Protein backbone atom coordinates (compact mmCIF):
# COMPACT_ATOMS: atom_id res chain seq x y z
CA UNK A 1 -22.01 -33.77 14.40
CA UNK A 2 -20.59 -30.36 15.27
CA UNK A 3 -20.47 -28.85 18.74
CA UNK A 4 -21.90 -25.41 19.43
CA UNK A 5 -19.28 -22.78 20.18
CA UNK A 6 -17.95 -23.13 23.72
CA UNK A 7 -19.10 -26.74 24.00
CA UNK A 8 -17.10 -29.78 23.14
CA UNK A 9 -14.13 -31.81 24.28
CA UNK A 10 -12.76 -29.11 26.61
CA UNK A 11 -16.12 -28.81 28.33
CA UNK A 12 -15.00 -25.73 30.24
CA UNK A 13 -14.79 -23.20 27.44
CA UNK A 14 -16.68 -19.94 27.41
CA UNK A 15 -18.53 -19.10 24.19
CA UNK A 16 -16.48 -16.70 22.10
CA UNK A 17 -13.20 -17.37 23.94
CA UNK A 18 -10.37 -19.69 22.94
CA UNK A 19 -10.53 -23.16 24.56
CA UNK A 20 -7.46 -22.49 26.72
CA UNK A 21 -9.44 -19.91 28.74
CA UNK A 22 -11.43 -21.44 31.60
CA UNK A 23 -14.90 -20.42 32.74
CA UNK A 24 -13.47 -18.23 35.50
CA UNK A 25 -11.51 -16.29 32.87
CA UNK A 26 -8.10 -17.60 33.99
CA UNK A 27 -5.86 -18.95 31.21
CA UNK A 28 -4.95 -22.63 31.46
CA UNK A 29 -1.27 -21.87 32.11
CA UNK A 30 -1.95 -19.50 35.04
CA UNK A 31 -2.04 -22.24 37.69
CA UNK A 32 1.41 -23.52 36.73
CA UNK A 33 2.83 -20.01 36.72
CA UNK A 34 1.35 -19.36 40.16
CA UNK A 35 2.97 -22.57 41.53
CA UNK A 36 6.35 -21.56 40.07
CA UNK A 37 6.11 -18.05 41.53
CA UNK A 38 5.17 -19.37 44.97
CA UNK A 39 8.06 -21.85 44.95
CA UNK A 40 10.52 -19.04 44.18
CA UNK A 41 9.04 -16.74 46.84
CA UNK A 42 9.31 -19.54 49.43
CA UNK A 43 13.03 -20.14 48.75
CA UNK A 44 15.34 -18.91 51.51
CA UNK A 45 17.43 -15.80 50.82
CA UNK A 46 21.08 -16.76 50.13
CA UNK A 47 23.58 -15.60 52.78
CA UNK A 48 25.48 -13.56 50.19
CA UNK A 49 22.31 -11.55 49.42
CA UNK A 50 21.56 -11.11 53.11
CA UNK A 51 25.13 -9.77 53.66
CA UNK A 52 24.80 -7.40 50.70
CA UNK A 53 21.50 -6.03 52.03
CA UNK A 54 23.09 -5.44 55.44
CA UNK A 55 25.95 -3.52 53.79
CA UNK A 56 23.55 -1.42 51.72
CA UNK A 57 21.41 -0.64 54.77
CA UNK A 58 24.52 0.44 56.70
CA UNK A 59 25.60 2.89 53.95
CA UNK A 60 22.44 4.97 54.47
CA UNK A 61 23.56 5.95 57.98
CA UNK A 62 26.73 7.75 56.84
């Protein structure tokens, strides 16, 4: 028996779209990418970068 387009093992496919696209239109890999991005954004700024930014900010006053 064949499944109509958009129906089948994935169960969340939209007719006419590849199975890796969810009903809300977000690709299946988007959630993992969002978690990775958020983990990088939440990392503390290294002291060496903080020092460099202070130096760069101070050069604008001259």
